């Protein structure tokens, strides 16, 4: 597995997907998420991450290019 930009436990923001493949709601852009898992393997050449925000009852998945460090 490739070494990623982010680590488990790190706080991140989601950023707008410039390709518009994945729509991100403005509330998601403002929220702080914690990386809870790095998904093994890559999709489209990018690592995938599972994220959690304490205000949401579920986890989210995001590509490395959809995240930035807090």
C-alpha atoms as a PDB file:
ATOM      1  CA  UNK A   1       0.000   0.000   0.000  1.00  0.00           C
ATOM      2  CA  UNK A   2       1.245   3.478  -0.846  1.00  0.00           C
ATOM      3  CA  UNK A   3       2.092   5.946   1.866  1.00  0.00           C
ATOM      4  CA  UNK A   4      -0.684   8.517   2.071  1.00  0.00           C
ATOM      5  CA  UNK A   5      -0.848  12.205   2.878  1.00  0.00           C
ATOM      6  CA  UNK A   6      -3.000  11.600   5.949  1.00  0.00           C
ATOM      7  CA  UNK A   7      -2.833   9.381   9.036  1.00  0.00           C
ATOM      8  CA  UNK A   8      -5.466   7.706  11.193  1.00  0.00           C
ATOM      9  CA  UNK A   9      -6.596  10.182  13.855  1.00  0.00           C
ATOM     10  CA  UNK A  10      -5.700  13.243  11.780  1.00  0.00           C
ATOM     11  CA  UNK A  11      -8.327  15.974  11.373  1.00  0.00           C
ATOM     12  CA  UNK A  12      -9.231  17.044   7.847  1.00  0.00           C
ATOM     13  CA  UNK A  13     -11.692  19.144   5.863  1.00  0.00           C
ATOM     14  CA  UNK A  14     -13.407  17.907   2.735  1.00  0.00           C
ATOM     15  CA  UNK A  15     -12.788  20.079  -0.314  1.00  0.00           C
ATOM     16  CA  UNK A  16     -14.849  20.587  -3.426  1.00  0.00           C
ATOM     17  CA  UNK A  17     -14.298  18.041  -6.171  1.00  0.00           C
ATOM     18  CA  UNK A  18     -13.219  20.096  -9.175  1.00  0.00           C
ATOM     19  CA  UNK A  19     -14.298  17.340 -11.574  1.00  0.00           C
ATOM     20  CA  UNK A  20     -17.842  17.516 -10.112  1.00  0.00           C
ATOM     21  CA  UNK A  21     -18.009  13.727 -10.004  1.00  0.00           C
ATOM     22  CA  UNK A  22     -18.725  13.849  -6.273  1.00  0.00           C
ATOM     23  CA  UNK A  23     -20.972  16.632  -5.016  1.00  0.00           C
ATOM     24  CA  UNK A  24     -20.055  17.961  -1.589  1.00  0.00           C
ATOM     25  CA  UNK A  25     -22.684  19.886   0.390  1.00  0.00           C
ATOM     26  CA  UNK A  26     -21.521  23.217   1.899  1.00  0.00           C
ATOM     27  CA  UNK A  27     -22.136  21.804   5.400  1.00  0.00           C
ATOM     28  CA  UNK A  28     -19.646  19.038   4.637  1.00  0.00           C
ATOM     29  CA  UNK A  29     -17.057  21.583   3.492  1.00  0.00           C
ATOM     30  CA  UNK A  30     -17.317  23.415   6.819  1.00  0.00           C
ATOM     31  CA  UNK A  31     -17.150  20.295   9.009  1.00  0.00           C
ATOM     32  CA  UNK A  32     -14.026  18.820  10.553  1.00  0.00           C
ATOM     33  CA  UNK A  33     -13.631  15.086  10.018  1.00  0.00           C
ATOM     34  CA  UNK A  34     -11.283  12.614  11.644  1.00  0.00           C
ATOM     35  CA  UNK A  35      -9.573   9.907   9.596  1.00  0.00           C
ATOM     36  CA  UNK A  36     -10.685   6.614  11.138  1.00  0.00           C
ATOM     37  CA  UNK A  37      -9.345   4.197   8.547  1.00  0.00           C
ATOM     38  CA  UNK A  38      -7.141   4.093   5.486  1.00  0.00           C
ATOM     39  CA  UNK A  39      -8.818   1.781   2.990  1.00  0.00           C
ATOM     40  CA  UNK A  40      -6.446  -0.864   1.606  1.00  0.00           C
ATOM     41  CA  UNK A  41      -5.707  -0.480  -2.089  1.00  0.00           C
ATOM     42  CA  UNK A  42      -6.350   2.466  -4.346  1.00  0.00           C
ATOM     43  CA  UNK A  43      -9.185   3.636  -6.554  1.00  0.00           C
ATOM     44  CA  UNK A  44      -8.287   5.613  -9.654  1.00  0.00           C
ATOM     45  CA  UNK A  45      -4.702   5.799  -8.372  1.00  0.00           C
ATOM     46  CA  UNK A  46      -5.674   7.441  -5.078  1.00  0.00           C
ATOM     47  CA  UNK A  47      -5.894   6.241  -1.519  1.00  0.00           C
ATOM     48  CA  UNK A  48      -9.354   6.199   0.029  1.00  0.00           C
ATOM     49  CA  UNK A  49     -10.134   7.164   3.613  1.00  0.00           C
ATOM     50  CA  UNK A  50     -13.028   6.552   5.990  1.00  0.00           C
ATOM     51  CA  UNK A  51     -13.950   9.708   7.908  1.00  0.00           C
ATOM     52  CA  UNK A  52     -16.106  10.452  10.912  1.00  0.00           C
ATOM     53  CA  UNK A  53     -17.669  13.654  12.184  1.00  0.00           C
ATOM     54  CA  UNK A  54     -19.215  13.616  15.659  1.00  0.00           C
ATOM     55  CA  UNK A  55     -22.334  15.431  14.350  1.00  0.00           C
ATOM     56  CA  UNK A  56     -23.113  12.622  11.884  1.00  0.00           C
ATOM     57  CA  UNK A  57     -24.249   9.090  12.754  1.00  0.00           C
ATOM     58  CA  UNK A  58     -22.353   7.493   9.860  1.00  0.00           C
ATOM     59  CA  UNK A  59     -18.887   7.382   8.330  1.00  0.00           C
ATOM     60  CA  UNK A  60     -17.980   8.861   4.969  1.00  0.00           C
ATOM     61  CA  UNK A  61     -15.482   7.780   2.347  1.00  0.00           C
ATOM     62  CA  UNK A  62     -13.275  10.230   0.500  1.00  0.00           C
ATOM     63  CA  UNK A  63     -10.352  10.163  -1.904  1.00  0.00           C
ATOM     64  CA  UNK A  64      -7.072  11.758  -0.930  1.00  0.00           C
ATOM     65  CA  UNK A  65      -7.656  14.607  -3.407  1.00  0.00           C
ATOM     66  CA  UNK A  66     -10.955  15.450  -1.679  1.00  0.00           C
ATOM     67  CA  UNK A  67      -9.248  16.210   1.646  1.00  0.00           C
ATOM     68  CA  UNK A  68      -7.012  18.834   3.171  1.00  0.00           C
ATOM     69  CA  UNK A  69      -5.429  18.938   6.615  1.00  0.00           C
ATOM     70  CA  UNK A  70      -6.934  21.202   9.266  1.00  0.00           C
END
